Amino acid sequence: MKVGDLVAFSAYGVNLDSLSVWGRRRRWAKEKPLVGMVIKIASREAGDYYSYSKNESVHYFIKWFGGDGPKGRDGRYGKNYFYRKDLKFVSKGKSK
């Protein structure tokens, strides 16, 4: 995944307690999935006391189209990034 890629919530991301609000709202309304663009990627180093998994070591910052997306993987509060496991690619043809 790189900056400029179109993404949506993966099945894992939709089922997170903090993100399920957006996933359920879209499914009930039978709308298209919430789509966003990767605007920044940051990686963090393992500290002395904690070793990060490959999934947790890279943070993806997303700009959601339509303005109705969560701030981060904790919903509207807390962390303002997502893990790779929370996201999936969206083809440009399907986002119309």
PDB file of N, CA and C in Angstrom:
ATOM      1  N   MET A   1       0.856  -1.164   0.000  1.00  0.00           N
ATOM      2  CA  MET A   1       0.000   0.000   0.000  1.00  0.00           C
ATOM      3  C   MET A   1       0.904   1.228   0.000  1.00  0.00           C
ATOM      4  N   LYS A   2       0.510   2.244  -0.784  1.00  0.00           N
ATOM      5  CA  LYS A   2       1.319   3.455  -0.873  1.00  0.00           C
ATOM      6  C   LYS A   2       0.422   4.687  -0.876  1.00  0.00           C
ATOM      7  N   VAL A   3       1.014   5.836  -0.727  1.00  0.00           N
ATOM      8  CA  VAL A   3       0.273   7.095  -0.713  1.00  0.00           C
ATOM      9  C   VAL A   3      -0.453   7.244  -2.055  1.00  0.00           C
ATOM     10  N   GLY A   4      -1.731   7.620  -1.987  1.00  0.00           N
ATOM     11  CA  GLY A   4      -2.538   7.789  -3.187  1.00  0.00           C
ATOM     12  C   GLY A   4      -3.437   6.611  -3.494  1.00  0.00           C
ATOM     13  N   ASP A   5      -3.247   5.481  -2.827  1.00  0.00           N
ATOM     14  CA  ASP A   5      -4.103   4.310  -3.048  1.00  0.00           C
ATOM     15  C   ASP A   5      -5.483   4.540  -2.459  1.00  0.00           C
ATOM     16  N   LEU A   6      -6.505   4.021  -3.136  1.00  0.00           N
ATOM     17  CA  LEU A   6      -7.872   4.072  -2.627  1.00  0.00           C
ATOM     18  C   LEU A   6      -8.105   2.861  -1.744  1.00  0.00           C
ATOM     19  N   VAL A   7      -8.716   3.085  -0.577  1.00  0.00           N
ATOM     20  CA  VAL A   7      -8.930   2.015   0.393  1.00  0.00           C
ATOM     21  C   VAL A   7     -10.343   2.070   0.972  1.00  0.00           C
ATOM     22  N   ALA A   8     -10.755   0.952   1.543  1.00  0.00           N
ATOM     23  CA  ALA A   8     -12.004   0.838   2.290  1.00  0.00           C
ATOM     24  C   ALA A   8     -11.695  -0.045   3.493  1.00  0.00           C
ATOM     25  N   PHE A   9     -12.669  -0.212   4.381  1.00  0.00           N
ATOM     26  CA  PHE A   9     -12.462  -1.104   5.518  1.00  0.00           C
ATOM     27  C   PHE A   9     -12.426  -2.547   5.041  1.00  0.00           C
ATOM     28  N   SER A  10     -11.526  -3.312   5.586  1.00  0.00           N
ATOM     29  CA  SER A  10     -11.513  -4.752   5.346  1.00  0.00           C
ATOM     30  C   SER A  10     -12.566  -5.391   6.239  1.00  0.00           C
ATOM     31  N   ALA A  11     -12.795  -6.683   6.057  1.00  0.00           N
ATOM     32  CA  ALA A  11     -13.739  -7.390   6.919  1.00  0.00           C
ATOM     33  C   ALA A  11     -13.292  -7.288   8.376  1.00  0.00           C
ATOM     34  N   TYR A  12     -11.999  -7.362   8.614  1.00  0.00           N
ATOM     35  CA  TYR A  12     -11.458  -7.222   9.966  1.00  0.00           C
ATOM     36  C   TYR A  12     -11.767  -5.824  10.515  1.00  0.00           C
ATOM     37  N   GLY A  13     -11.539  -4.783   9.706  1.00  0.00           N
ATOM     38  CA  GLY A  13     -11.773  -3.408  10.144  1.00  0.00           C
ATOM     39  C   GLY A  13     -13.227  -3.125  10.463  1.00  0.00           C
ATOM     40  N   VAL A  14     -14.138  -3.646   9.645  1.00  0.00           N
ATOM     41  CA  VAL A  14     -15.562  -3.438   9.883  1.00  0.00           C
ATOM     42  C   VAL A  14     -15.987  -4.076  11.197  1.00  0.00           C
ATOM     43  N   ASN A  15     -15.369  -5.180  11.563  1.00  0.00           N
ATOM     44  CA  ASN A  15     -15.760  -5.897  12.778  1.00  0.00           C
ATOM     45  C   ASN A  15     -15.089  -5.393  14.048  1.00  0.00           C
ATOM     46  N   LEU A  16     -14.167  -4.439  13.936  1.00  0.00           N
ATOM     47  CA  LEU A  16     -13.619  -3.826  15.148  1.00  0.00           C
ATOM     48  C   LEU A  16     -14.740  -3.071  15.849  1.00  0.00           C
ATOM     49  N   ASP A  17     -14.809  -3.170  17.152  1.00  0.00           N
ATOM     50  CA  ASP A  17     -15.877  -2.495  17.900  1.00  0.00           C
ATOM     51  C   ASP A  17     -15.925  -1.000  17.597  1.00  0.00           C
ATOM     52  N   SER A  18     -14.763  -0.363  17.535  1.00  0.00           N
ATOM     53  CA  SER A  18     -14.735   1.084  17.333  1.00  0.00           C
ATOM     54  C   SER A  18     -15.083   1.495  15.910  1.00  0.00           C
ATOM     55  N   LEU A  19     -14.950   0.591  14.933  1.00  0.00           N
ATOM     56  CA  LEU A  19     -15.234   0.922  13.534  1.00  0.00           C
ATOM     57  C   LEU A  19     -16.530   0.310  13.024  1.00  0.00           C
ATOM     58  N   SER A  20     -17.159  -0.523  13.811  1.00  0.00           N
ATOM     59  CA  SER A  20     -18.348  -1.227  13.337  1.00  0.00           C
ATOM     60  C   SER A  20     -19.508  -0.281  13.045  1.00  0.00           C
ATOM     61  N   VAL A  21     -19.526   0.882  13.673  1.00  0.00           N
ATOM     62  CA  VAL A  21     -20.584   1.862  13.421  1.00  0.00           C
ATOM     63  C   VAL A  21     -20.614   2.222  11.937  1.00  0.00           C
ATOM     64  N   TRP A  22     -19.459   2.484  11.352  1.00  0.00           N
ATOM     65  CA  TRP A  22     -19.394   2.868   9.953  1.00  0.00           C
ATOM     66  C   TRP A  22     -19.711   1.687   9.038  1.00  0.00           C
ATOM     67  N   GLY A  23     -19.270   0.519   9.388  1.00  0.00           N
ATOM     68  CA  GLY A  23     -19.542  -0.662   8.578  1.00  0.00           C
ATOM     69  C   GLY A  23     -21.012  -1.044   8.595  1.00  0.00           C
ATOM     70  N   ARG A  24     -21.629  -1.040   9.765  1.00  0.00           N
ATOM     71  CA  ARG A  24     -23.048  -1.401   9.877  1.00  0.00           C
ATOM     72  C   ARG A  24     -23.927  -0.370   9.186  1.00  0.00           C
ATOM     73  N   ARG A  25     -23.603   0.893   9.372  1.00  0.00           N
ATOM     74  CA  ARG A  25     -24.410   1.958   8.771  1.00  0.00           C
ATOM     75  C   ARG A  25     -24.441   1.787   7.250  1.00  0.00           C
ATOM     76  N   ARG A  26     -23.326   1.467   6.662  1.00  0.00           N
ATOM     77  CA  ARG A  26     -23.245   1.309   5.209  1.00  0.00           C
ATOM     78  C   ARG A  26     -23.985   0.056   4.752  1.00  0.00           C
ATOM     79  N   ARG A  27     -23.854  -1.032   5.500  1.00  0.00           N
ATOM     80  CA  ARG A  27     -24.519  -2.277   5.100  1.00  0.00           C
ATOM     81  C   ARG A  27     -26.029  -2.152   5.183  1.00  0.00           C
ATOM     82  N   TRP A  28     -26.536  -1.539   6.249  1.00  0.00           N
ATOM     83  CA  TRP A  28     -27.981  -1.418   6.414  1.00  0.00           C
ATOM     84  C   TRP A  28     -28.568  -0.535   5.322  1.00  0.00           C
ATOM     85  N   ALA A  29     -27.877   0.499   4.954  1.00  0.00           N
ATOM     86  CA  ALA A  29     -28.365   1.403   3.929  1.00  0.00           C
ATOM     87  C   ALA A  29     -28.068   0.865   2.527  1.00  0.00           C
ATOM     88  N   LYS A  30     -27.327  -0.217   2.445  1.00  0.00           N
ATOM     89  CA  LYS A  30     -26.923  -0.819   1.166  1.00  0.00           C
ATOM     90  C   LYS A  30     -26.213   0.204   0.290  1.00  0.00           C
ATOM     91  N   GLU A  31     -25.405   1.018   0.924  1.00  0.00           N
ATOM     92  CA  GLU A  31     -24.616   2.014   0.209  1.00  0.00           C
ATOM     93  C   GLU A  31     -23.302   1.401  -0.235  1.00  0.00           C
ATOM     94  N   LYS A  32     -22.591   2.152  -1.033  1.00  0.00           N
ATOM     95  CA  LYS A  32     -21.239   1.754  -1.400  1.00  0.00           C
ATOM     96  C   LYS A  32     -20.372   1.848  -0.147  1.00  0.00           C
ATOM     97  N   PRO A  33     -19.292   1.079  -0.084  1.00  0.00           N
ATOM     98  CA  PRO A  33     -18.438   1.158   1.107  1.00  0.00           C
ATOM     99  C   PRO A  33     -17.791   2.537   1.245  1.00  0.00           C
ATOM    100  N   LEU A  34     -17.458   2.886   2.468  1.00  0.00           N
ATOM    101  CA  LEU A  34     -16.757   4.127   2.740  1.00  0.00           C
ATOM    102  C   LEU A  34     -15.378   4.031   2.093  1.00  0.00           C
ATOM    103  N   VAL A  35     -15.051   4.982   1.234  1.00  0.00           N
ATOM    104  CA  VAL A  35     -13.801   4.944   0.477  1.00  0.00           C
ATOM    105  C   VAL A  35     -12.951   6.143   0.871  1.00  0.00           C
ATOM    106  N   GLY A  36     -11.656   5.913   0.995  1.00  0.00           N
ATOM    107  CA  GLY A  36     -10.726   6.977   1.327  1.00  0.00           C
ATOM    108  C   GLY A  36      -9.424   6.824   0.567  1.00  0.00           C
ATOM    109  N   MET A  37      -8.538   7.781   0.752  1.00  0.00           N
ATOM    110  CA  MET A  37      -7.234   7.754   0.091  1.00  0.00           C
ATOM    111  C   MET A  37      -6.142   7.804   1.148  1.00  0.00           C
ATOM    112  N   VAL A  38      -5.114   7.013   0.945  1.00  0.00           N
ATOM    113  CA  VAL A  38      -3.960   7.030   1.842  1.00  0.00           C
ATOM    114  C   VAL A  38      -3.216   8.336   1.599  1.00  0.00           C
ATOM    115  N   ILE A  39      -3.069   9.157   2.649  1.00  0.00           N
ATOM    116  CA  ILE A  39      -2.395  10.442   2.486  1.00  0.00           C
ATOM    117  C   ILE A  39      -1.009  10.469   3.139  1.00  0.00           C
ATOM    118  N   LYS A  40      -0.776   9.521   4.050  1.00  0.00           N
ATOM    119  CA  LYS A  40       0.518   9.502   4.735  1.00  0.00           C
ATOM    120  C   LYS A  40       0.757   8.111   5.286  1.00  0.00           C
ATOM    121  N   ILE A  41       1.997   7.675   5.256  1.00  0.00           N
ATOM    122  CA  ILE A  41       2.389   6.396   5.845  1.00  0.00           C
ATOM    123  C   ILE A  41       3.564   6.663   6.769  1.00  0.00           C
ATOM    124  N   ALA A  42       3.462   6.180   7.993  1.00  0.00           N
ATOM    125  CA  ALA A  42       4.539   6.353   8.970  1.00  0.00           C
ATOM    126  C   ALA A  42       4.856   5.007   9.596  1.00  0.00           C
ATOM    127  N   SER A  43       6.128   4.767   9.825  1.00  0.00           N
ATOM    128  CA  SER A  43       6.503   3.524  10.498  1.00  0.00           C
ATOM    129  C   SER A  43       7.160   3.866  11.824  1.00  0.00           C
ATOM    130  N   ARG A  44       7.037   2.949  12.756  1.00  0.00           N
ATOM    131  CA  ARG A  44       7.652   3.183  14.060  1.00  0.00           C
ATOM    132  C   ARG A  44       8.584   2.027  14.382  1.00  0.00           C
ATOM    133  N   GLU A  45       9.576   2.359  15.137  1.00  0.00           N
ATOM    134  CA  GLU A  45      10.583   1.381  15.522  1.00  0.00           C
ATOM    135  C   GLU A  45      10.175   0.679  16.808  1.00  0.00           C
ATOM    136  N   ALA A  46      10.619  -0.538  16.958  1.00  0.00           N
ATOM    137  CA  ALA A  46      10.368  -1.273  18.197  1.00  0.00           C
ATOM    138  C   ALA A  46      11.168  -0.630  19.324  1.00  0.00           C
ATOM    139  N   GLY A  47      10.537  -0.488  20.469  1.00  0.00           N
ATOM    140  CA  GLY A  47      11.216   0.087  21.625  1.00  0.00           C
ATOM    141  C   GLY A  47      11.979  -0.980  22.392  1.00  0.00           C
ATOM    142  N   ASP A  48      12.604  -0.573  23.467  1.00  0.00           N
ATOM    143  CA  ASP A  48      13.372  -1.509  24.288  1.00  0.00           C
ATOM    144  C   ASP A  48      12.486  -2.547  24.959  1.00  0.00           C
ATOM    145  N   TYR A  49      11.270  -2.158  25.311  1.00  0.00           N
ATOM    146  CA  TYR A  49      10.414  -3.042  26.090  1.00  0.00           C
ATOM    147  C   TYR A  49       9.293  -3.675  25.281  1.00  0.00           C
ATOM    148  N   TYR A  50       9.105  -3.225  24.050  1.00  0.00           N
ATOM    149  CA  TYR A  50       7.969  -3.718  23.287  1.00  0.00           C
ATOM    150  C   TYR A  50       8.385  -3.945  21.844  1.00  0.00           C
ATOM    151  N   SER A  51       8.009  -5.062  21.304  1.00  0.00           N
ATOM    152  CA  SER A  51       8.303  -5.379  19.922  1.00  0.00           C
ATOM    153  C   SER A  51       6.995  -5.349  19.134  1.00  0.00           C
ATOM    154  N   TYR A  52       6.937  -4.531  18.100  1.00  0.00           N
ATOM    155  CA  TYR A  52       5.728  -4.393  17.306  1.00  0.00           C
ATOM    156  C   TYR A  52       5.655  -5.478  16.246  1.00  0.00           C
ATOM    157  N   SER A  53       4.429  -5.936  15.962  1.00  0.00           N
ATOM    158  CA  SER A  53       4.251  -6.881  14.867  1.00  0.00           C
ATOM    159  C   SER A  53       4.409  -6.122  13.549  1.00  0.00           C
ATOM    160  N   LYS A  54       4.511  -6.855  12.456  1.00  0.00           N
ATOM    161  CA  LYS A  54       4.632  -6.215  11.148  1.00  0.00           C
ATOM    162  C   LYS A  54       3.416  -5.340  10.879  1.00  0.00           C
ATOM    163  N   ASN A  55       2.236  -5.797  11.287  1.00  0.00           N
ATOM    164  CA  ASN A  55       1.005  -5.039  11.096  1.00  0.00           C
ATOM    165  C   ASN A  55       1.005  -3.745  11.912  1.00  0.00           C
ATOM    166  N   GLU A  56       1.484  -3.783  13.142  1.00  0.00           N
ATOM    167  CA  GLU A  56       1.442  -2.620  14.035  1.00  0.00           C
ATOM    168  C   GLU A  56       2.575  -1.632  13.806  1.00  0.00           C
ATOM    169  N   SER A  57       3.588  -2.011  13.058  1.00  0.00           N
ATOM    170  CA  SER A  57       4.747  -1.136  12.896  1.00  0.00           C
ATOM    171  C   SER A  57       4.552  -0.066  11.825  1.00  0.00           C
ATOM    172  N   VAL A  58       3.497  -0.175  11.008  1.00  0.00           N
ATOM    173  CA  VAL A  58       3.237   0.818   9.971  1.00  0.00           C
ATOM    174  C   VAL A  58       1.855   1.420  10.207  1.00  0.00           C
ATOM    175  N   HIS A  59       1.788   2.744  10.202  1.00  0.00           N
ATOM    176  CA  HIS A  59       0.529   3.470  10.403  1.00  0.00           C
ATOM    177  C   HIS A  59       0.116   4.127   9.093  1.00  0.00           C
ATOM    178  N   TYR A  60      -1.156   3.952   8.747  1.00  0.00           N
ATOM    179  CA  TYR A  60      -1.706   4.546   7.528  1.00  0.00           C
ATOM    180  C   TYR A  60      -2.697   5.637   7.921  1.00  0.00           C
ATOM    181  N   PHE A  61      -2.512   6.818   7.356  1.00  0.00           N
ATOM    182  CA  PHE A  61      -3.393   7.952   7.606  1.00  0.00           C
ATOM    183  C   PHE A  61      -4.288   8.103   6.382  1.00  0.00           C
ATOM    184  N   ILE A  62      -5.600   8.162   6.612  1.00  0.00           N
ATOM    185  CA  ILE A  62      -6.574   8.118   5.534  1.00  0.00           C
ATOM    186  C   ILE A  62      -7.412   9.389   5.514  1.00  0.00           C
ATOM    187  N   LYS A  63      -7.663   9.905   4.317  1.00  0.00           N
ATOM    188  CA  LYS A  63      -8.611  11.003   4.103  1.00  0.00           C
ATOM    189  C   LYS A  63      -9.842  10.376   3.469  1.00  0.00           C
ATOM    190  N   TRP A  64     -10.963  10.345   4.203  1.00  0.00           N
ATOM    191  CA  TRP A  64     -12.183   9.702   3.725  1.00  0.00           C
ATOM    192  C   TRP A  64     -12.954  10.640   2.823  1.00  0.00           C
ATOM    193  N   PHE A  65     -13.470  10.128   1.717  1.00  0.00           N
ATOM    194  CA  PHE A  65     -14.299  10.916   0.804  1.00  0.00           C
ATOM    195  C   PHE A  65     -15.685  11.057   1.418  1.00  0.00           C
ATOM    196  N   GLY A  66     -16.269  12.217   1.302  1.00  0.00           N
ATOM    197  CA  GLY A  66     -17.594  12.466   1.861  1.00  0.00           C
ATOM    198  C   GLY A  66     -17.539  12.964   3.289  1.00  0.00           C
ATOM    199  N   GLY A  67     -16.389  12.923   3.929  1.00  0.00           N
ATOM    200  CA  GLY A  67     -16.235  13.466   5.269  1.00  0.00           C
ATOM    201  C   GLY A  67     -16.901  12.689   6.388  1.00  0.00           C
ATOM    202  N   ASP A  68     -17.424  11.487   6.109  1.00  0.00           N
ATOM    203  CA  ASP A  68     -18.154  10.737   7.130  1.00  0.00           C
ATOM    204  C   ASP A  68     -17.328   9.582   7.691  1.00  0.00           C
ATOM    205  N   GLY A  69     -16.034   9.669   7.633  1.00  0.00           N
ATOM    206  CA  GLY A  69     -15.206   8.564   8.092  1.00  0.00           C
ATOM    207  C   GLY A  69     -14.662   8.768   9.485  1.00  0.00           C
ATOM    208  N   PRO A  70     -14.196   7.696  10.102  1.00  0.00           N
ATOM    209  CA  PRO A  70     -13.617   7.808  11.442  1.00  0.00           C
ATOM    210  C   PRO A  70     -12.251   8.486  11.402  1.00  0.00           C
ATOM    211  N   LYS A  71     -11.898   9.101  12.494  1.00  0.00           N
ATOM    212  CA  LYS A  71     -10.606   9.773  12.609  1.00  0.00           C
ATOM    213  C   LYS A  71      -9.460   8.758  12.562  1.00  0.00           C
ATOM    214  N   GLY A  72      -9.667   7.626  13.203  1.00  0.00           N
ATOM    215  CA  GLY A  72      -8.638   6.591  13.248  1.00  0.00           C
ATOM    216  C   GLY A  72      -9.241   5.271  13.658  1.00  0.00           C
ATOM    217  N   ARG A  73      -8.400   4.322  13.989  1.00  0.00           N
ATOM    218  CA  ARG A  73      -8.889   2.978  14.284  1.00  0.00           C
ATOM    219  C   ARG A  73      -9.649   2.908  15.604  1.00  0.00           C
ATOM    220  N   ASP A  74      -9.617   3.967  16.413  1.00  0.00           N
ATOM    221  CA  ASP A  74     -10.400   4.034  17.641  1.00  0.00           C
ATOM    222  C   ASP A  74     -11.679   4.841  17.450  1.00  0.00           C
ATOM    223  N   GLY A  75     -12.115   5.019  16.220  1.00  0.00           N
ATOM    224  CA  GLY A  75     -13.322   5.798  15.959  1.00  0.00           C
ATOM    225  C   GLY A  75     -13.013   7.270  15.861  1.00  0.00           C
ATOM    226  N   ARG A  76     -13.765   8.086  16.553  1.00  0.00           N
ATOM    227  CA  ARG A  76     -13.566   9.538  16.490  1.00  0.00           C
ATOM    228  C   ARG A  76     -12.513  10.043  17.471  1.00  0.00           C
ATOM    229  N   TYR A  77     -12.095   9.212  18.401  1.00  0.00           N
ATOM    230  CA  TYR A  77     -11.167   9.642  19.443  1.00  0.00           C
ATOM    231  C   TYR A  77      -9.939   8.753  19.453  1.00  0.00           C
ATOM    232  N   GLY A  78      -8.896   9.224  20.086  1.00  0.00           N
ATOM    233  CA  GLY A  78      -7.703   8.397  20.270  1.00  0.00           C
ATOM    234  C   GLY A  78      -6.807   8.383  19.049  1.00  0.00           C
ATOM    235  N   LYS A  79      -6.411   7.202  18.646  1.00  0.00           N
ATOM    236  CA  LYS A  79      -5.450   7.038  17.557  1.00  0.00           C
ATOM    237  C   LYS A  79      -6.021   7.586  16.256  1.00  0.00           C
ATOM    238  N   ASN A  80      -5.186   8.286  15.499  1.00  0.00           N
ATOM    239  CA  ASN A  80      -5.652   8.871  14.244  1.00  0.00           C
ATOM    240  C   ASN A  80      -5.067   8.148  13.035  1.00  0.00           C
ATOM    241  N   TYR A  81      -4.794   6.854  13.181  1.00  0.00           N
ATOM    242  CA  TYR A  81      -4.227   6.069  12.096  1.00  0.00           C
ATOM    243  C   TYR A  81      -4.905   4.708  12.045  1.00  0.00           C
ATOM    244  N   PHE A  82      -4.596   3.974  10.987  1.00  0.00           N
ATOM    245  CA  PHE A  82      -5.117   2.620  10.802  1.00  0.00           C
ATOM    246  C   PHE A  82      -3.961   1.675  10.574  1.00  0.00           C
ATOM    247  N   TYR A  83      -4.164   0.408  10.858  1.00  0.00           N
ATOM    248  CA  TYR A  83      -3.197  -0.629  10.526  1.00  0.00           C
ATOM    249  C   TYR A  83      -3.555  -1.214   9.173  1.00  0.00           C
ATOM    250  N   ARG A  84      -2.609  -1.848   8.530  1.00  0.00           N
ATOM    251  CA  ARG A  84      -2.846  -2.454   7.222  1.00  0.00           C
ATOM    252  C   ARG A  84      -3.991  -3.464   7.280  1.00  0.00           C
ATOM    253  N   LYS A  85      -4.092  -4.185   8.371  1.00  0.00           N
ATOM    254  CA  LYS A  85      -5.120  -5.211   8.522  1.00  0.00           C
ATOM    255  C   LYS A  85      -6.530  -4.604   8.539  1.00  0.00           C
ATOM    256  N   ASP A  86      -6.662  -3.334   8.885  1.00  0.00           N
ATOM    257  CA  ASP A  86      -7.958  -2.668   8.946  1.00  0.00           C
ATOM    258  C   ASP A  86      -8.474  -2.252   7.572  1.00  0.00           C
ATOM    259  N   LEU A  87      -7.594  -2.254   6.564  1.00  0.00           N
ATOM    260  CA  LEU A  87      -7.911  -1.670   5.266  1.00  0.00           C
ATOM    261  C   LEU A  87      -7.797  -2.680   4.136  1.00  0.00           C
ATOM    262  N   LYS A  88      -8.487  -2.391   3.042  1.00  0.00           N
ATOM    263  CA  LYS A  88      -8.342  -3.181   1.821  1.00  0.00           C
ATOM    264  C   LYS A  88      -8.305  -2.219   0.644  1.00  0.00           C
ATOM    265  N   PHE A  89      -7.722  -2.667  -0.458  1.00  0.00           N
ATOM    266  CA  PHE A  89      -7.662  -1.854  -1.666  1.00  0.00           C
ATOM    267  C   PHE A  89      -9.042  -1.767  -2.310  1.00  0.00           C
ATOM    268  N   VAL A  90      -9.299  -0.646  -2.969  1.00  0.00           N
ATOM    269  CA  VAL A  90     -10.508  -0.473  -3.760  1.00  0.00           C
ATOM    270  C   VAL A  90     -10.049  -0.135  -5.169  1.00  0.00           C
ATOM    271  N   SER A  91     -10.594  -0.833  -6.157  1.00  0.00           N
ATOM    272  CA  SER A  91     -10.205  -0.509  -7.525  1.00  0.00           C
ATOM    273  C   SER A  91     -10.844   0.809  -7.916  1.00  0.00           C
ATOM    274  N   LYS A  92     -10.176   1.547  -8.752  1.00  0.00           N
ATOM    275  CA  LYS A  92     -10.683   2.863  -9.147  1.00  0.00           C
ATOM    276  C   LYS A  92     -11.987   2.762  -9.915  1.00  0.00           C
ATOM    277  N   GLY A  93     -12.217   1.653 -10.604  1.00  0.00           N
ATOM    278  CA  GLY A  93     -13.446   1.474 -11.352  1.00  0.00           C
ATOM    279  C   GLY A  93     -14.661   1.287 -10.471  1.00  0.00           C
ATOM    280  N   LYS A  94     -14.479   0.734  -9.261  1.00  0.00           N
ATOM    281  CA  LYS A  94     -15.595   0.457  -8.358  1.00  0.00           C
ATOM    282  C   LYS A  94     -15.943   1.632  -7.472  1.00  0.00           C
ATOM    283  N   SER A  95     -15.172   2.682  -7.460  1.00  0.00           N
ATOM    284  CA  SER A  95     -15.403   3.785  -6.522  1.00  0.00           C
ATOM    285  C   SER A  95     -16.317   4.869  -7.096  1.00  0.00           C
ATOM    286  N   LYS A  96     -16.849   4.690  -8.281  1.00  0.00           N
ATOM    287  CA  LYS A  96     -17.697   5.718  -8.905  1.00  0.00           C
ATOM    288  C   LYS A  96     -19.006   5.879  -8.183  1.00  0.00           C
TER     289      LYS A  96
END
